């Protein structure tokens, strides 16, 4: 744990890392929790909990914790490549 005085300082401390796999925000103000969760650079953020892994949700990190996503629709897209084939019929 690292003490902080302001919301901005807490966000700066959380983002001052080369890692960004997951984070948690603990608060009694859910709107504030969403604001902080949006500002923290992490692949998964839990508000008042640790976000459980659910195979229906995309999972992955930011910064040196990885790029891209696994699981969920985002995971399917990560392993697919689109191709367009056009045929002009006589």
PDB file of N, CA and C in Angstrom:
ATOM      1  N   UNK A   1       0.832  -1.175   0.000  1.00  0.00           N
ATOM      2  CA  UNK A   1       0.000   0.000   0.000  1.00  0.00           C
ATOM      3  C   UNK A   1       0.879   1.241   0.000  1.00  0.00           C
ATOM      4  N   UNK A   2       0.407   2.235  -0.721  1.00  0.00           N
ATOM      5  CA  UNK A   2       1.101   3.515  -0.797  1.00  0.00           C
ATOM      6  C   UNK A   2       0.099   4.603  -0.419  1.00  0.00           C
ATOM      7  N   UNK A   3       0.411   5.391   0.576  1.00  0.00           N
ATOM      8  CA  UNK A   3      -0.534   6.459   0.952  1.00  0.00           C
ATOM      9  C   UNK A   3      -0.586   7.559  -0.106  1.00  0.00           C
ATOM     10  N   UNK A   4      -1.731   8.216  -0.197  1.00  0.00           N
ATOM     11  CA  UNK A   4      -1.905   9.331  -1.132  1.00  0.00           C
ATOM     12  C   UNK A   4      -2.881  10.326  -0.520  1.00  0.00           C
ATOM     13  N   UNK A   5      -2.859  11.543  -1.047  1.00  0.00           N
ATOM     14  CA  UNK A   5      -3.720  12.598  -0.514  1.00  0.00           C
ATOM     15  C   UNK A   5      -4.874  12.967  -1.434  1.00  0.00           C
ATOM     16  N   UNK A   6      -4.700  12.811  -2.745  1.00  0.00           N
ATOM     17  CA  UNK A   6      -5.745  13.209  -3.681  1.00  0.00           C
ATOM     18  C   UNK A   6      -6.015  12.078  -4.667  1.00  0.00           C
ATOM     19  N   UNK A   7      -7.164  12.152  -5.302  1.00  0.00           N
ATOM     20  CA  UNK A   7      -7.520  11.189  -6.343  1.00  0.00           C
ATOM     21  C   UNK A   7      -6.505  11.227  -7.483  1.00  0.00           C
ATOM     22  N   UNK A   8      -6.109  12.415  -7.863  1.00  0.00           N
ATOM     23  CA  UNK A   8      -5.138  12.571  -8.948  1.00  0.00           C
ATOM     24  C   UNK A   8      -3.807  11.923  -8.597  1.00  0.00           C
ATOM     25  N   UNK A   9      -3.389  12.074  -7.346  1.00  0.00           N
ATOM     26  CA  UNK A   9      -2.135  11.457  -6.905  1.00  0.00           C
ATOM     27  C   UNK A   9      -2.250   9.939  -6.917  1.00  0.00           C
ATOM     28  N   UNK A  10      -3.391   9.413  -6.507  1.00  0.00           N
ATOM     29  CA  UNK A  10      -3.594   7.963  -6.511  1.00  0.00           C
ATOM     30  C   UNK A  10      -3.515   7.407  -7.931  1.00  0.00           C
ATOM     31  N   UNK A  11      -4.135   8.099  -8.876  1.00  0.00           N
ATOM     32  CA  UNK A  11      -4.097   7.674 -10.278  1.00  0.00           C
ATOM     33  C   UNK A  11      -2.667   7.736 -10.807  1.00  0.00           C
ATOM     34  N   UNK A  12      -1.956   8.815 -10.497  1.00  0.00           N
ATOM     35  CA  UNK A  12      -0.567   8.958 -10.943  1.00  0.00           C
ATOM     36  C   UNK A  12       0.303   7.837 -10.367  1.00  0.00           C
ATOM     37  N   UNK A  13       0.115   7.509  -9.097  1.00  0.00           N
ATOM     38  CA  UNK A  13       0.880   6.422  -8.471  1.00  0.00           C
ATOM     39  C   UNK A  13       0.564   5.092  -9.149  1.00  0.00           C
ATOM     40  N   UNK A  14      -0.703   4.849  -9.424  1.00  0.00           N
ATOM     41  CA  UNK A  14      -1.102   3.584 -10.050  1.00  0.00           C
ATOM     42  C   UNK A  14      -0.529   3.471 -11.453  1.00  0.00           C
ATOM     43  N   UNK A  15      -0.482   4.576 -12.175  1.00  0.00           N
ATOM     44  CA  UNK A  15      -0.006   4.550 -13.552  1.00  0.00           C
ATOM     45  C   UNK A  15       1.512   4.645 -13.667  1.00  0.00           C
ATOM     46  N   UNK A  16       2.197   4.909 -12.570  1.00  0.00           N
ATOM     47  CA  UNK A  16       3.659   5.029 -12.583  1.00  0.00           C
ATOM     48  C   UNK A  16       4.296   3.652 -12.436  1.00  0.00           C
ATOM     49  N   UNK A  17       4.010   2.804 -13.391  1.00  0.00           N
ATOM     50  CA  UNK A  17       4.517   1.439 -13.388  1.00  0.00           C
ATOM     51  C   UNK A  17       4.638   0.979 -14.836  1.00  0.00           C
ATOM     52  N   UNK A  18       5.582   0.085 -15.085  1.00  0.00           N
ATOM     53  CA  UNK A  18       5.689  -0.471 -16.431  1.00  0.00           C
ATOM     54  C   UNK A  18       4.662  -1.581 -16.637  1.00  0.00           C
ATOM     55  N   UNK A  19       3.986  -1.973 -15.564  1.00  0.00           N
ATOM     56  CA  UNK A  19       3.005  -3.052 -15.634  1.00  0.00           C
ATOM     57  C   UNK A  19       1.596  -2.491 -15.683  1.00  0.00           C
ATOM     58  N   UNK A  20       0.667  -3.298 -16.176  1.00  0.00           N
ATOM     59  CA  UNK A  20      -0.709  -2.855 -16.241  1.00  0.00           C
ATOM     60  C   UNK A  20      -1.673  -4.003 -16.446  1.00  0.00           C
ATOM     61  N   UNK A  21      -1.479  -5.095 -15.705  1.00  0.00           N
ATOM     62  CA  UNK A  21      -2.369  -6.245 -15.876  1.00  0.00           C
ATOM     63  C   UNK A  21      -3.700  -6.010 -15.176  1.00  0.00           C
ATOM     64  N   UNK A  22      -3.662  -5.689 -13.888  1.00  0.00           N
ATOM     65  CA  UNK A  22      -4.908  -5.498 -13.155  1.00  0.00           C
ATOM     66  C   UNK A  22      -4.744  -4.502 -12.024  1.00  0.00           C
ATOM     67  N   UNK A  23      -5.867  -3.982 -11.583  1.00  0.00           N
ATOM     68  CA  UNK A  23      -5.876  -3.013 -10.490  1.00  0.00           C
ATOM     69  C   UNK A  23      -7.198  -3.128  -9.747  1.00  0.00           C
ATOM     70  N   UNK A  24      -7.220  -2.601  -8.548  1.00  0.00           N
ATOM     71  CA  UNK A  24      -8.466  -2.511  -7.793  1.00  0.00           C
ATOM     72  C   UNK A  24      -8.628  -1.092  -7.277  1.00  0.00           C
ATOM     73  N   UNK A  25      -9.869  -0.670  -7.183  1.00  0.00           N
ATOM     74  CA  UNK A  25     -10.221   0.638  -6.637  1.00  0.00           C
ATOM     75  C   UNK A  25     -11.193   0.381  -5.496  1.00  0.00           C
ATOM     76  N   UNK A  26     -10.888   0.908  -4.337  1.00  0.00           N
ATOM     77  CA  UNK A  26     -11.749   0.722  -3.163  1.00  0.00           C
ATOM     78  C   UNK A  26     -12.332   2.070  -2.771  1.00  0.00           C
ATOM     79  N   UNK A  27     -13.664   2.146  -2.766  1.00  0.00           N
ATOM     80  CA  UNK A  27     -14.333   3.407  -2.487  1.00  0.00           C
ATOM     81  C   UNK A  27     -15.776   3.180  -2.066  1.00  0.00           C
ATOM     82  N   UNK A  28     -16.336   4.157  -1.376  1.00  0.00           N
ATOM     83  CA  UNK A  28     -17.767   4.144  -1.064  1.00  0.00           C
ATOM     84  C   UNK A  28     -18.560   4.900  -2.118  1.00  0.00           C
ATOM     85  N   UNK A  29     -17.878   5.570  -3.043  1.00  0.00           N
ATOM     86  CA  UNK A  29     -18.499   6.381  -4.079  1.00  0.00           C
ATOM     87  C   UNK A  29     -18.305   5.667  -5.422  1.00  0.00           C
ATOM     88  N   UNK A  30     -19.329   4.966  -5.874  1.00  0.00           N
ATOM     89  CA  UNK A  30     -19.209   4.150  -7.081  1.00  0.00           C
ATOM     90  C   UNK A  30     -18.923   5.008  -8.317  1.00  0.00           C
ATOM     91  N   UNK A  31     -19.519   6.192  -8.407  1.00  0.00           N
ATOM     92  CA  UNK A  31     -19.238   7.074  -9.545  1.00  0.00           C
ATOM     93  C   UNK A  31     -17.751   7.446  -9.566  1.00  0.00           C
ATOM     94  N   UNK A  32     -17.203   7.738  -8.411  1.00  0.00           N
ATOM     95  CA  UNK A  32     -15.776   8.049  -8.316  1.00  0.00           C
ATOM     96  C   UNK A  32     -14.945   6.822  -8.677  1.00  0.00           C
ATOM     97  N   UNK A  33     -15.399   5.650  -8.250  1.00  0.00           N
ATOM     98  CA  UNK A  33     -14.704   4.412  -8.597  1.00  0.00           C
ATOM     99  C   UNK A  33     -14.620   4.208 -10.104  1.00  0.00           C
ATOM    100  N   UNK A  34     -15.713   4.485 -10.801  1.00  0.00           N
ATOM    101  CA  UNK A  34     -15.707   4.365 -12.263  1.00  0.00           C
ATOM    102  C   UNK A  34     -14.771   5.391 -12.892  1.00  0.00           C
ATOM    103  N   UNK A  35     -14.754   6.602 -12.352  1.00  0.00           N
ATOM    104  CA  UNK A  35     -13.870   7.645 -12.880  1.00  0.00           C
ATOM    105  C   UNK A  35     -12.402   7.226 -12.732  1.00  0.00           C
ATOM    106  N   UNK A  36     -12.051   6.716 -11.565  1.00  0.00           N
ATOM    107  CA  UNK A  36     -10.673   6.287 -11.315  1.00  0.00           C
ATOM    108  C   UNK A  36     -10.349   5.050 -12.157  1.00  0.00           C
ATOM    109  N   UNK A  37     -11.268   4.103 -12.243  1.00  0.00           N
ATOM    110  CA  UNK A  37     -11.044   2.895 -13.046  1.00  0.00           C
ATOM    111  C   UNK A  37     -10.774   3.256 -14.496  1.00  0.00           C
ATOM    112  N   UNK A  38     -11.472   4.248 -15.008  1.00  0.00           N
ATOM    113  CA  UNK A  38     -11.260   4.695 -16.387  1.00  0.00           C
ATOM    114  C   UNK A  38      -9.865   5.306 -16.563  1.00  0.00           C
ATOM    115  N   UNK A  39      -9.378   6.000 -15.545  1.00  0.00           N
ATOM    116  CA  UNK A  39      -8.088   6.706 -15.633  1.00  0.00           C
ATOM    117  C   UNK A  39      -6.886   5.795 -15.400  1.00  0.00           C
ATOM    118  N   UNK A  40      -7.076   4.689 -14.692  1.00  0.00           N
ATOM    119  CA  UNK A  40      -5.963   3.781 -14.402  1.00  0.00           C
ATOM    120  C   UNK A  40      -5.672   2.938 -15.640  1.00  0.00           C
ATOM    121  N   UNK A  41      -4.400   2.886 -16.027  1.00  0.00           N
ATOM    122  CA  UNK A  41      -3.989   2.137 -17.211  1.00  0.00           C
ATOM    123  C   UNK A  41      -3.709   0.681 -16.838  1.00  0.00           C
ATOM    124  N   UNK A  42      -4.769  -0.110 -16.826  1.00  0.00           N
ATOM    125  CA  UNK A  42      -4.673  -1.536 -16.516  1.00  0.00           C
ATOM    126  C   UNK A  42      -5.704  -2.269 -17.362  1.00  0.00           C
ATOM    127  N   UNK A  43      -5.407  -3.511 -17.694  1.00  0.00           N
ATOM    128  CA  UNK A  43      -6.304  -4.300 -18.536  1.00  0.00           C
ATOM    129  C   UNK A  43      -7.595  -4.690 -17.859  1.00  0.00           C
ATOM    130  N   UNK A  44      -7.584  -4.830 -16.544  1.00  0.00           N
ATOM    131  CA  UNK A  44      -8.790  -5.172 -15.780  1.00  0.00           C
ATOM    132  C   UNK A  44      -8.762  -4.381 -14.480  1.00  0.00           C
ATOM    133  N   UNK A  45      -9.881  -3.773 -14.146  1.00  0.00           N
ATOM    134  CA  UNK A  45      -9.979  -3.016 -12.900  1.00  0.00           C
ATOM    135  C   UNK A  45     -11.236  -3.469 -12.170  1.00  0.00           C
ATOM    136  N   UNK A  46     -11.082  -3.851 -10.917  1.00  0.00           N
ATOM    137  CA  UNK A  46     -12.217  -4.194 -10.074  1.00  0.00           C
ATOM    138  C   UNK A  46     -12.517  -3.038  -9.139  1.00  0.00           C
ATOM    139  N   UNK A  47     -13.782  -2.731  -8.960  1.00  0.00           N
ATOM    140  CA  UNK A  47     -14.191  -1.708  -8.001  1.00  0.00           C
ATOM    141  C   UNK A  47     -14.747  -2.436  -6.787  1.00  0.00           C
ATOM    142  N   UNK A  48     -14.086  -2.261  -5.653  1.00  0.00           N
ATOM    143  CA  UNK A  48     -14.426  -2.911  -4.385  1.00  0.00           C
ATOM    144  C   UNK A  48     -14.351  -4.435  -4.459  1.00  0.00           C
ATOM    145  N   UNK A  49     -13.542  -4.934  -5.380  1.00  0.00           N
ATOM    146  CA  UNK A  49     -13.345  -6.383  -5.521  1.00  0.00           C
ATOM    147  C   UNK A  49     -12.188  -6.608  -6.476  1.00  0.00           C
ATOM    148  N   UNK A  50     -11.776  -7.829  -6.583  1.00  0.00           N
ATOM    149  CA  UNK A  50     -10.864  -8.201  -7.645  1.00  0.00           C
ATOM    150  C   UNK A  50     -11.722  -8.776  -8.747  1.00  0.00           C
ATOM    151  N   UNK A  51     -11.553  -8.304  -9.961  1.00  0.00           N
ATOM    152  CA  UNK A  51     -12.372  -8.744 -11.085  1.00  0.00           C
ATOM    153  C   UNK A  51     -12.125 -10.222 -11.355  1.00  0.00           C
ATOM    154  N   UNK A  52     -13.129 -11.059 -11.179  1.00  0.00           N
ATOM    155  CA  UNK A  52     -12.938 -12.483 -11.467  1.00  0.00           C
ATOM    156  C   UNK A  52     -12.779 -12.727 -12.960  1.00  0.00           C
ATOM    157  N   UNK A  53     -12.030 -13.756 -13.298  1.00  0.00           N
ATOM    158  CA  UNK A  53     -11.844 -14.121 -14.696  1.00  0.00           C
ATOM    159  C   UNK A  53     -13.097 -14.862 -15.162  1.00  0.00           C
ATOM    160  N   UNK A  54     -13.709 -14.382 -16.189  1.00  0.00           N
ATOM    161  CA  UNK A  54     -14.893 -15.002 -16.769  1.00  0.00           C
ATOM    162  C   UNK A  54     -14.590 -15.206 -18.250  1.00  0.00           C
ATOM    163  N   UNK A  55     -14.706 -16.416 -18.767  1.00  0.00           N
ATOM    164  CA  UNK A  55     -14.325 -16.657 -20.157  1.00  0.00           C
ATOM    165  C   UNK A  55     -15.147 -15.861 -21.170  1.00  0.00           C
ATOM    166  N   UNK A  56     -16.243 -15.268 -20.732  1.00  0.00           N
ATOM    167  CA  UNK A  56     -17.034 -14.443 -21.647  1.00  0.00           C
ATOM    168  C   UNK A  56     -16.500 -13.023 -21.742  1.00  0.00           C
ATOM    169  N   UNK A  57     -15.534 -12.670 -20.886  1.00  0.00           N
ATOM    170  CA  UNK A  57     -14.987 -11.317 -20.863  1.00  0.00           C
ATOM    171  C   UNK A  57     -13.582 -11.300 -21.452  1.00  0.00           C
ATOM    172  N   UNK A  58     -13.232 -10.241 -22.161  1.00  0.00           N
ATOM    173  CA  UNK A  58     -11.861 -10.144 -22.667  1.00  0.00           C
ATOM    174  C   UNK A  58     -10.879  -9.954 -21.518  1.00  0.00           C
ATOM    175  N   UNK A  59      -9.702 -10.546 -21.638  1.00  0.00           N
ATOM    176  CA  UNK A  59      -8.700 -10.473 -20.573  1.00  0.00           C
ATOM    177  C   UNK A  59      -7.351 -10.171 -21.180  1.00  0.00           C
ATOM    178  N   UNK A  60      -6.643  -9.231 -20.616  1.00  0.00           N
ATOM    179  CA  UNK A  60      -5.301  -8.916 -21.076  1.00  0.00           C
ATOM    180  C   UNK A  60      -4.783  -7.680 -20.378  1.00  0.00           C
ATOM    181  N   UNK A  61      -3.511  -7.419 -20.528  1.00  0.00           N
ATOM    182  CA  UNK A  61      -2.891  -6.304 -19.834  1.00  0.00           C
ATOM    183  C   UNK A  61      -2.586  -5.139 -20.741  1.00  0.00           C
ATOM    184  N   UNK A  62      -1.946  -4.158 -20.157  1.00  0.00           N
ATOM    185  CA  UNK A  62      -1.456  -2.989 -20.873  1.00  0.00           C
ATOM    186  C   UNK A  62       0.013  -2.828 -20.539  1.00  0.00           C
ATOM    187  N   UNK A  63       0.680  -1.970 -21.241  1.00  0.00           N
ATOM    188  CA  UNK A  63       2.109  -1.694 -21.066  1.00  0.00           C
ATOM    189  C   UNK A  63       2.891  -2.994 -21.197  1.00  0.00           C
ATOM    190  N   UNK A  64       3.857  -3.277 -20.322  1.00  0.00           N
ATOM    191  CA  UNK A  64       4.654  -4.507 -20.454  1.00  0.00           C
ATOM    192  C   UNK A  64       3.926  -5.734 -19.926  1.00  0.00           C
ATOM    193  N   UNK A  65       2.691  -5.572 -19.514  1.00  0.00           N
ATOM    194  CA  UNK A  65       1.892  -6.738 -19.113  1.00  0.00           C
ATOM    195  C   UNK A  65       1.205  -7.373 -20.310  1.00  0.00           C
ATOM    196  N   UNK A  66       1.538  -6.919 -21.507  1.00  0.00           N
ATOM    197  CA  UNK A  66       1.016  -7.556 -22.711  1.00  0.00           C
ATOM    198  C   UNK A  66       0.115  -6.653 -23.510  1.00  0.00           C
ATOM    199  N   UNK A  67      -0.120  -7.102 -24.731  1.00  0.00           N
ATOM    200  CA  UNK A  67      -1.042  -6.387 -25.604  1.00  0.00           C
ATOM    201  C   UNK A  67      -2.075  -7.377 -26.113  1.00  0.00           C
ATOM    202  N   UNK A  68      -3.171  -6.878 -26.597  1.00  0.00           N
ATOM    203  CA  UNK A  68      -4.218  -7.754 -27.108  1.00  0.00           C
ATOM    204  C   UNK A  68      -5.069  -8.303 -25.981  1.00  0.00           C
ATOM    205  N   UNK A  69      -6.032  -9.109 -26.349  1.00  0.00           N
ATOM    206  CA  UNK A  69      -6.957  -9.673 -25.387  1.00  0.00           C
ATOM    207  C   UNK A  69      -7.171 -11.144 -25.673  1.00  0.00           C
ATOM    208  N   UNK A  70      -7.441 -11.892 -24.629  1.00  0.00           N
ATOM    209  CA  UNK A  70      -7.839 -13.291 -24.735  1.00  0.00           C
ATOM    210  C   UNK A  70      -9.253 -13.389 -24.186  1.00  0.00           C
ATOM    211  N   UNK A  71      -9.944 -14.421 -24.536  1.00  0.00           N
ATOM    212  CA  UNK A  71     -11.307 -14.697 -24.077  1.00  0.00           C
ATOM    213  C   UNK A  71     -12.300 -13.728 -24.705  1.00  0.00           C
ATOM    214  N   UNK A  72     -13.566 -14.056 -24.593  1.00  0.00           N
ATOM    215  CA  UNK A  72     -14.615 -13.205 -25.118  1.00  0.00           C
ATOM    216  C   UNK A  72     -14.475 -12.957 -26.612  1.00  0.00           C
ATOM    217  N   UNK A  73     -15.324 -12.094 -27.137  1.00  0.00           N
ATOM    218  CA  UNK A  73     -15.305 -11.772 -28.556  1.00  0.00           C
ATOM    219  C   UNK A  73     -13.979 -11.136 -28.967  1.00  0.00           C
ATOM    220  N   UNK A  74     -13.389 -10.306 -28.093  1.00  0.00           N
ATOM    221  CA  UNK A  74     -12.097  -9.687 -28.407  1.00  0.00           C
ATOM    222  C   UNK A  74     -11.026 -10.752 -28.593  1.00  0.00           C
ATOM    223  N   UNK A  75     -11.087 -11.828 -27.816  1.00  0.00           N
ATOM    224  CA  UNK A  75     -10.130 -12.925 -27.968  1.00  0.00           C
ATOM    225  C   UNK A  75     -10.296 -13.653 -29.282  1.00  0.00           C
ATOM    226  N   UNK A  76     -11.531 -13.829 -29.719  1.00  0.00           N
ATOM    227  CA  UNK A  76     -11.783 -14.463 -31.012  1.00  0.00           C
ATOM    228  C   UNK A  76     -11.190 -13.606 -32.121  1.00  0.00           C
ATOM    229  N   UNK A  77     -11.419 -12.301 -32.050  1.00  0.00           N
ATOM    230  CA  UNK A  77     -10.883 -11.404 -33.071  1.00  0.00           C
ATOM    231  C   UNK A  77      -9.350 -11.398 -33.086  1.00  0.00           C
ATOM    232  N   UNK A  78      -8.736 -11.600 -31.930  1.00  0.00           N
ATOM    233  CA  UNK A  78      -7.275 -11.600 -31.866  1.00  0.00           C
ATOM    234  C   UNK A  78      -6.671 -12.763 -32.644  1.00  0.00           C
ATOM    235  N   UNK A  79      -7.435 -13.841 -32.809  1.00  0.00           N
ATOM    236  CA  UNK A  79      -6.914 -15.018 -33.494  1.00  0.00           C
ATOM    237  C   UNK A  79      -7.524 -15.214 -34.882  1.00  0.00           C
ATOM    238  N   UNK A  80      -8.155 -14.183 -35.396  1.00  0.00           N
ATOM    239  CA  UNK A  80      -8.731 -14.292 -36.729  1.00  0.00           C
ATOM    240  C   UNK A  80      -8.169 -13.203 -37.634  1.00  0.00           C
ATOM    241  N   UNK A  81      -8.245 -13.446 -38.902  1.00  0.00           N
ATOM    242  CA  UNK A  81      -7.808 -12.464 -39.882  1.00  0.00           C
ATOM    243  C   UNK A  81      -8.870 -12.412 -40.971  1.00  0.00           C
ATOM    244  N   UNK A  82      -9.337 -11.230 -41.252  1.00  0.00           N
ATOM    245  CA  UNK A  82     -10.380 -11.078 -42.255  1.00  0.00           C
ATOM    246  C   UNK A  82      -9.780 -11.053 -43.653  1.00  0.00           C
ATOM    247  N   UNK A  83     -10.543 -11.576 -44.575  1.00  0.00           N
ATOM    248  CA  UNK A  83     -10.137 -11.539 -45.987  1.00  0.00           C
ATOM    249  C   UNK A  83     -11.389 -11.231 -46.794  1.00  0.00           C
ATOM    250  N   UNK A  84     -11.226 -10.381 -47.775  1.00  0.00           N
ATOM    251  CA  UNK A  84     -12.335 -10.053 -48.671  1.00  0.00           C
ATOM    252  C   UNK A  84     -12.059 -10.699 -50.020  1.00  0.00           C
ATOM    253  N   UNK A  85     -13.024 -11.433 -50.537  1.00  0.00           N
ATOM    254  CA  UNK A  85     -12.934 -12.032 -51.863  1.00  0.00           C
ATOM    255  C   UNK A  85     -14.112 -11.507 -52.667  1.00  0.00           C
ATOM    256  N   UNK A  86     -13.827 -10.867 -53.779  1.00  0.00           N
ATOM    257  CA  UNK A  86     -14.861 -10.309 -54.637  1.00  0.00           C
ATOM    258  C   UNK A  86     -14.890 -11.099 -55.931  1.00  0.00           C
ATOM    259  N   UNK A  87     -16.075 -11.507 -56.338  1.00  0.00           N
ATOM    260  CA  UNK A  87     -16.233 -12.265 -57.586  1.00  0.00           C
ATOM    261  C   UNK A  87     -17.220 -11.527 -58.477  1.00  0.00           C
ATOM    262  N   UNK A  88     -16.808 -11.253 -59.694  1.00  0.00           N
ATOM    263  CA  UNK A  88     -17.707 -10.659 -60.679  1.00  0.00           C
ATOM    264  C   UNK A  88     -18.222 -11.795 -61.544  1.00  0.00           C
ATOM    265  N   UNK A  89     -19.498 -12.065 -61.453  1.00  0.00           N
ATOM    266  CA  UNK A  89     -20.084 -13.155 -62.227  1.00  0.00           C
ATOM    267  C   UNK A  89     -20.465 -12.646 -63.623  1.00  0.00           C
ATOM    268  N   UNK A  90     -20.254 -13.490 -64.643  1.00  0.00           N
ATOM    269  CA  UNK A  90     -20.575 -13.073 -66.017  1.00  0.00           C
ATOM    270  C   UNK A  90     -22.077 -12.934 -66.220  1.00  0.00           C
TER     271      UNK A  90
END
